[in-house]
Amino acid sequence: MVRGAYTLARVAVPVRAAACWLWWLGVIAAVPGTAVTFSPTGRRIGVMAGVALFIVAAVTAAVVRGSRYQERAKGASRAAKTVYLQDRRVTARRWLRRRRWWLLVALVVAAGSSVLLPCAAGMLMGGVGAGLWVKTRRVARIERSHDALLWVRPDGNQAAYQLTGIAAGDAAPGGGPRRRGW
């Protein structure tokens, strides 16, 4: 047990941020590929290859390392009363700041690859985003089944999950914004 105050960030928020950014950058990279008419493979083959890559990427991203959330949730400890819960916007912004150049490079490469295989790389990125979205839904199911939210120290051991009550923080189970319905 750690003494003193420390910060906790939601487990699902970075996964959700990655899903959102990869999905939309994939869409942005794939749309110009539909206008390419000078490709050696042709637009039809590029789109069909993109659909196949989308499906494979979505399934792979949803399945790979997916059981670790359940395993780590079983071994999670209760968070101390002195912790600071990081806002979901802050967590998502920190994730984006660390990876913004990689995302920009991926967007440029995916859009540029439309010369050879139109739409395929953009649809691949979108598939990874869709698979990560499914993974956030899995985390939401785990959190609802435990009736607790999963948190992790951003500056500490990423495998040591901690639990709080379901009403803690500003993010709903799965990392989305909490609904403010009365």
C-alpha atoms as a PDB file:
ATOM      1  CA  MET A   1       0.000   0.000   0.000  1.00  0.00           C
ATOM      2  CA  VAL A   2       1.340   3.413  -0.958  1.00  0.00           C
ATOM      3  CA  ARG A   3       1.263   6.158   1.650  1.00  0.00           C
ATOM      4  CA  GLY A   4       0.283   9.721   0.783  1.00  0.00           C
ATOM      5  CA  ALA A   5      -1.687  11.185  -2.060  1.00  0.00           C
ATOM      6  CA  TYR A   6      -1.204  10.056  -5.649  1.00  0.00           C
ATOM      7  CA  THR A   7      -3.080  10.256  -8.938  1.00  0.00           C
ATOM      8  CA  LEU A   8      -5.159   7.557 -10.601  1.00  0.00           C
ATOM      9  CA  ALA A   9      -6.296   7.474 -14.235  1.00  0.00           C
ATOM     10  CA  ARG A  10      -9.057   5.348 -15.711  1.00  0.00           C
ATOM     11  CA  VAL A  11      -7.969   2.175 -17.488  1.00  0.00           C
ATOM     12  CA  ALA A  12     -10.510   2.454 -20.309  1.00  0.00           C
ATOM     13  CA  VAL A  13      -9.962   6.109 -21.233  1.00  0.00           C
ATOM     14  CA  PRO A  14      -6.662   5.688 -23.158  1.00  0.00           C
ATOM     15  CA  VAL A  15      -8.096   2.698 -25.027  1.00  0.00           C
ATOM     16  CA  ARG A  16     -11.175   4.738 -25.909  1.00  0.00           C
ATOM     17  CA  ALA A  17      -9.026   7.695 -27.002  1.00  0.00           C
ATOM     18  CA  ALA A  18      -6.973   5.412 -29.241  1.00  0.00           C
ATOM     19  CA  ALA A  19     -10.145   3.934 -30.725  1.00  0.00           C
ATOM     20  CA  CYS A  20     -11.565   7.354 -31.504  1.00  0.00           C
ATOM     21  CA  TRP A  21      -8.408   8.765 -33.060  1.00  0.00           C
ATOM     22  CA  LEU A  22      -7.591   5.687 -35.118  1.00  0.00           C
ATOM     23  CA  TRP A  23     -11.168   5.406 -36.385  1.00  0.00           C
ATOM     24  CA  TRP A  24     -11.418   9.011 -37.561  1.00  0.00           C
ATOM     25  CA  LEU A  25      -7.901   9.169 -38.995  1.00  0.00           C
ATOM     26  CA  GLY A  26      -8.656   5.941 -40.848  1.00  0.00           C
ATOM     27  CA  VAL A  27     -11.800   7.474 -42.307  1.00  0.00           C
ATOM     28  CA  ILE A  28      -9.903  10.616 -43.294  1.00  0.00           C
ATOM     29  CA  ALA A  29      -7.171   8.523 -44.944  1.00  0.00           C
ATOM     30  CA  ALA A  30      -9.600   6.200 -46.747  1.00  0.00           C
ATOM     31  CA  VAL A  31     -11.985   8.766 -48.246  1.00  0.00           C
ATOM     32  CA  PRO A  32      -9.502  10.315 -50.707  1.00  0.00           C
ATOM     33  CA  GLY A  33      -8.691   6.804 -51.935  1.00  0.00           C
ATOM     34  CA  THR A  34     -12.163   6.557 -53.413  1.00  0.00           C
ATOM     35  CA  ALA A  35     -11.256   9.321 -55.877  1.00  0.00           C
ATOM     36  CA  VAL A  36      -8.005   7.701 -57.052  1.00  0.00           C
ATOM     37  CA  THR A  37      -8.305   6.567 -60.669  1.00  0.00           C
ATOM     38  CA  PHE A  38      -4.625   6.111 -61.581  1.00  0.00           C
ATOM     39  CA  SER A  39      -3.787   3.241 -59.222  1.00  0.00           C
ATOM     40  CA  PRO A  40      -2.117   0.167 -60.746  1.00  0.00           C
ATOM     41  CA  THR A  41      -4.416  -2.142 -58.781  1.00  0.00           C
ATOM     42  CA  GLY A  42      -7.605  -0.189 -59.308  1.00  0.00           C
ATOM     43  CA  ARG A  43     -10.116   1.264 -56.903  1.00  0.00           C
ATOM     44  CA  ARG A  44     -12.299  -1.840 -56.663  1.00  0.00           C
ATOM     45  CA  ILE A  45      -9.433  -4.121 -55.628  1.00  0.00           C
ATOM     46  CA  GLY A  46      -8.174  -1.503 -53.154  1.00  0.00           C
ATOM     47  CA  VAL A  47     -11.573  -1.169 -51.493  1.00  0.00           C
ATOM     48  CA  MET A  48     -12.060  -4.939 -51.330  1.00  0.00           C
ATOM     49  CA  ALA A  49      -8.592  -5.380 -49.822  1.00  0.00           C
ATOM     50  CA  GLY A  50      -9.435  -2.560 -47.403  1.00  0.00           C
ATOM     51  CA  VAL A  51     -12.606  -4.324 -46.275  1.00  0.00           C
ATOM     52  CA  ALA A  52     -10.654  -7.529 -45.652  1.00  0.00           C
ATOM     53  CA  LEU A  53      -7.979  -5.590 -43.734  1.00  0.00           C
ATOM     54  CA  PHE A  54     -10.667  -3.780 -41.740  1.00  0.00           C
ATOM     55  CA  ILE A  55     -12.232  -7.051 -40.598  1.00  0.00           C
ATOM     56  CA  VAL A  56      -8.907  -8.698 -39.758  1.00  0.00           C
ATOM     57  CA  ALA A  57      -7.655  -5.603 -37.889  1.00  0.00           C
ATOM     58  CA  ALA A  58     -10.891  -5.187 -35.937  1.00  0.00           C
ATOM     59  CA  VAL A  59     -10.948  -8.806 -34.799  1.00  0.00           C
ATOM     60  CA  THR A  60      -7.238  -8.790 -33.970  1.00  0.00           C
ATOM     61  CA  ALA A  61      -7.403  -5.544 -31.975  1.00  0.00           C
ATOM     62  CA  ALA A  62     -10.458  -6.760 -30.073  1.00  0.00           C
ATOM     63  CA  VAL A  63      -8.978 -10.154 -29.187  1.00  0.00           C
ATOM     64  CA  VAL A  64      -5.255  -9.545 -28.615  1.00  0.00           C
ATOM     65  CA  ARG A  65      -4.436  -9.093 -24.922  1.00  0.00           C
ATOM     66  CA  GLY A  66      -8.124  -8.773 -24.112  1.00  0.00           C
ATOM     67  CA  SER A  67      -8.194 -11.174 -21.192  1.00  0.00           C
ATOM     68  CA  ARG A  68      -5.619  -9.164 -19.251  1.00  0.00           C
ATOM     69  CA  TYR A  69      -8.295  -6.708 -18.118  1.00  0.00           C
ATOM     70  CA  GLN A  70     -10.292  -9.490 -16.461  1.00  0.00           C
ATOM     71  CA  GLU A  71      -7.190 -10.997 -14.840  1.00  0.00           C
ATOM     72  CA  ARG A  72      -5.972  -7.658 -13.512  1.00  0.00           C
ATOM     73  CA  ALA A  73      -9.439  -6.718 -12.281  1.00  0.00           C
ATOM     74  CA  LYS A  74      -9.540  -9.872 -10.164  1.00  0.00           C
ATOM     75  CA  GLY A  75      -6.282  -8.894  -8.476  1.00  0.00           C
ATOM     76  CA  ALA A  76      -7.180  -5.216  -8.048  1.00  0.00           C
ATOM     77  CA  SER A  77      -7.098  -3.535  -4.663  1.00  0.00           C
ATOM     78  CA  ARG A  78      -9.302  -0.776  -3.323  1.00  0.00           C
ATOM     79  CA  ALA A  79      -7.990   2.728  -3.891  1.00  0.00           C
ATOM     80  CA  ALA A  80      -7.014   4.782  -0.868  1.00  0.00           C
ATOM     81  CA  LYS A  81      -9.131   7.715   0.237  1.00  0.00           C
ATOM     82  CA  THR A  82      -6.278  10.140  -0.421  1.00  0.00           C
ATOM     83  CA  VAL A  83      -6.008   9.544  -4.185  1.00  0.00           C
ATOM     84  CA  TYR A  84      -6.718  12.156  -6.819  1.00  0.00           C
ATOM     85  CA  LEU A  85      -8.863  10.916  -9.675  1.00  0.00           C
ATOM     86  CA  GLN A  86      -7.628  12.232 -12.996  1.00  0.00           C
ATOM     87  CA  ASP A  87     -10.239  13.788 -15.277  1.00  0.00           C
ATOM     88  CA  ARG A  88     -10.979  11.762 -18.411  1.00  0.00           C
ATOM     89  CA  ARG A  89     -10.117  14.721 -20.644  1.00  0.00           C
ATOM     90  CA  VAL A  90      -6.723  15.042 -18.993  1.00  0.00           C
ATOM     91  CA  THR A  91      -6.057  11.331 -19.446  1.00  0.00           C
ATOM     92  CA  ALA A  92      -7.082  11.423 -23.116  1.00  0.00           C
ATOM     93  CA  ARG A  93      -5.049  14.582 -23.730  1.00  0.00           C
ATOM     94  CA  ARG A  94      -1.950  13.007 -22.160  1.00  0.00           C
ATOM     95  CA  TRP A  95      -2.406   9.924 -24.364  1.00  0.00           C
ATOM     96  CA  LEU A  96      -2.691  12.102 -27.467  1.00  0.00           C
ATOM     97  CA  ARG A  97       0.305  14.279 -26.614  1.00  0.00           C
ATOM     98  CA  ARG A  98       2.547  11.235 -26.317  1.00  0.00           C
ATOM     99  CA  ARG A  99       1.434   9.806 -29.657  1.00  0.00           C
ATOM    100  CA  ARG A 100       0.495  12.754 -31.861  1.00  0.00           C
ATOM    101  CA  TRP A 101       3.518  12.409 -34.170  1.00  0.00           C
ATOM    102  CA  TRP A 102       2.961   8.691 -34.635  1.00  0.00           C
ATOM    103  CA  LEU A 103      -0.662   9.369 -35.524  1.00  0.00           C
ATOM    104  CA  LEU A 104       0.363  12.062 -38.007  1.00  0.00           C
ATOM    105  CA  VAL A 105       2.889   9.741 -39.655  1.00  0.00           C
ATOM    106  CA  ALA A 106       0.289   6.950 -39.827  1.00  0.00           C
ATOM    107  CA  LEU A 107      -2.212   9.328 -41.440  1.00  0.00           C
ATOM    108  CA  VAL A 108       0.281  10.509 -44.055  1.00  0.00           C
ATOM    109  CA  VAL A 109       1.424   6.954 -44.859  1.00  0.00           C
ATOM    110  CA  ALA A 110      -2.161   5.681 -45.076  1.00  0.00           C
ATOM    111  CA  ALA A 111      -3.254   8.547 -47.313  1.00  0.00           C
ATOM    112  CA  GLY A 112      -0.120   8.210 -49.463  1.00  0.00           C
ATOM    113  CA  SER A 113      -0.587   4.482 -49.903  1.00  0.00           C
ATOM    114  CA  SER A 114      -3.796   5.191 -51.809  1.00  0.00           C
ATOM    115  CA  VAL A 115      -1.601   5.622 -54.870  1.00  0.00           C
ATOM    116  CA  LEU A 116      -0.857   1.882 -54.857  1.00  0.00           C
ATOM    117  CA  LEU A 117      -3.873   0.390 -53.091  1.00  0.00           C
ATOM    118  CA  PRO A 118      -6.725   2.895 -52.680  1.00  0.00           C
ATOM    119  CA  CYS A 119      -8.502   3.014 -49.293  1.00  0.00           C
ATOM    120  CA  ALA A 120      -6.776  -0.077 -47.883  1.00  0.00           C
ATOM    121  CA  ALA A 121      -4.451   1.494 -45.301  1.00  0.00           C
ATOM    122  CA  GLY A 122      -7.137   3.915 -44.129  1.00  0.00           C
ATOM    123  CA  MET A 123      -9.577   1.070 -43.658  1.00  0.00           C
ATOM    124  CA  LEU A 124      -6.869  -0.839 -41.776  1.00  0.00           C
ATOM    125  CA  MET A 125      -6.521   2.068 -39.332  1.00  0.00           C
ATOM    126  CA  GLY A 126     -10.294   2.283 -39.008  1.00  0.00           C
ATOM    127  CA  GLY A 127     -10.425  -1.448 -38.273  1.00  0.00           C
ATOM    128  CA  VAL A 128      -7.930  -1.101 -35.448  1.00  0.00           C
ATOM    129  CA  GLY A 129     -10.044   1.739 -34.043  1.00  0.00           C
ATOM    130  CA  ALA A 130     -13.204  -0.382 -34.252  1.00  0.00           C
ATOM    131  CA  GLY A 131     -11.459  -3.285 -32.510  1.00  0.00           C
ATOM    132  CA  LEU A 132     -10.306  -1.020 -29.709  1.00  0.00           C
ATOM    133  CA  TRP A 133     -13.865   0.254 -29.368  1.00  0.00           C
ATOM    134  CA  VAL A 134     -15.010  -3.331 -28.815  1.00  0.00           C
ATOM    135  CA  LYS A 135     -12.257  -3.674 -26.207  1.00  0.00           C
ATOM    136  CA  THR A 136     -13.644  -0.656 -24.298  1.00  0.00           C
ATOM    137  CA  ARG A 137     -17.050  -2.325 -24.277  1.00  0.00           C
ATOM    138  CA  ARG A 138     -15.393  -5.391 -22.722  1.00  0.00           C
ATOM    139  CA  VAL A 139     -13.813  -3.224 -20.017  1.00  0.00           C
ATOM    140  CA  ALA A 140     -17.235  -1.658 -19.368  1.00  0.00           C
ATOM    141  CA  ARG A 141     -18.741  -5.134 -18.884  1.00  0.00           C
ATOM    142  CA  ILE A 142     -15.963  -6.045 -16.455  1.00  0.00           C
ATOM    143  CA  GLU A 143     -16.499  -2.828 -14.501  1.00  0.00           C
ATOM    144  CA  ARG A 144     -20.247  -3.363 -14.298  1.00  0.00           C
ATOM    145  CA  SER A 145     -19.829  -6.982 -13.202  1.00  0.00           C
ATOM    146  CA  HIS A 146     -17.460  -5.930 -10.394  1.00  0.00           C
ATOM    147  CA  ASP A 147     -19.646  -2.885  -9.615  1.00  0.00           C
ATOM    148  CA  ALA A 148     -16.441  -0.840  -9.503  1.00  0.00           C
ATOM    149  CA  LEU A 149     -14.335   1.282 -11.828  1.00  0.00           C
ATOM    150  CA  LEU A 150     -10.799   0.233 -12.799  1.00  0.00           C
ATOM    151  CA  TRP A 151      -8.010   2.759 -12.228  1.00  0.00           C
ATOM    152  CA  VAL A 152      -4.235   2.692 -12.666  1.00  0.00           C
ATOM    153  CA  ARG A 153      -1.390   4.957 -11.593  1.00  0.00           C
ATOM    154  CA  PRO A 154      -0.141   6.796 -14.703  1.00  0.00           C
ATOM    155  CA  ASP A 155       3.325   7.161 -13.201  1.00  0.00           C
ATOM    156  CA  GLY A 156       3.495   3.740 -11.565  1.00  0.00           C
ATOM    157  CA  ASN A 157       2.979   0.070 -12.320  1.00  0.00           C
ATOM    158  CA  GLN A 158       0.482  -0.183 -15.186  1.00  0.00           C
ATOM    159  CA  ALA A 159      -0.438  -3.740 -14.185  1.00  0.00           C
ATOM    160  CA  ALA A 160      -1.522  -2.827 -10.648  1.00  0.00           C
ATOM    161  CA  TYR A 161      -5.188  -1.918 -11.008  1.00  0.00           C
ATOM    162  CA  GLN A 162      -7.142  -0.222  -8.248  1.00  0.00           C
ATOM    163  CA  LEU A 163     -10.891  -0.074  -7.719  1.00  0.00           C
ATOM    164  CA  THR A 164     -13.254   2.707  -6.750  1.00  0.00           C
ATOM    165  CA  GLY A 165     -16.999   2.888  -6.534  1.00  0.00           C
ATOM    166  CA  ILE A 166     -19.042   3.035  -9.707  1.00  0.00           C
ATOM    167  CA  ALA A 167     -19.894   6.732  -9.181  1.00  0.00           C
ATOM    168  CA  ALA A 168     -16.295   7.943  -8.805  1.00  0.00           C
ATOM    169  CA  GLY A 169     -14.803  10.262 -11.401  1.00  0.00           C
ATOM    170  CA  ASP A 170     -16.351  11.820 -14.473  1.00  0.00           C
ATOM    171  CA  ALA A 171     -16.248   8.801 -16.807  1.00  0.00           C
ATOM    172  CA  ALA A 172     -18.878   6.098 -17.114  1.00  0.00           C
ATOM    173  CA  PRO A 173     -17.934   2.407 -17.273  1.00  0.00           C
ATOM    174  CA  GLY A 174     -15.955   1.898 -20.476  1.00  0.00           C
ATOM    175  CA  GLY A 175     -14.352   5.335 -20.366  1.00  0.00           C
ATOM    176  CA  GLY A 176     -17.096   7.360 -22.022  1.00  0.00           C
ATOM    177  CA  PRO A 177     -18.527  10.569 -20.650  1.00  0.00           C
ATOM    178  CA  ARG A 178     -20.927  10.156 -17.782  1.00  0.00           C
ATOM    179  CA  ARG A 179     -24.514  10.959 -18.709  1.00  0.00           C
ATOM    180  CA  ARG A 180     -25.954  13.852 -16.770  1.00  0.00           C
ATOM    181  CA  GLY A 181     -29.599  12.781 -16.876  1.00  0.00           C
ATOM    182  CA  TRP A 182     -31.834  13.672 -13.965  1.00  0.00           C
END
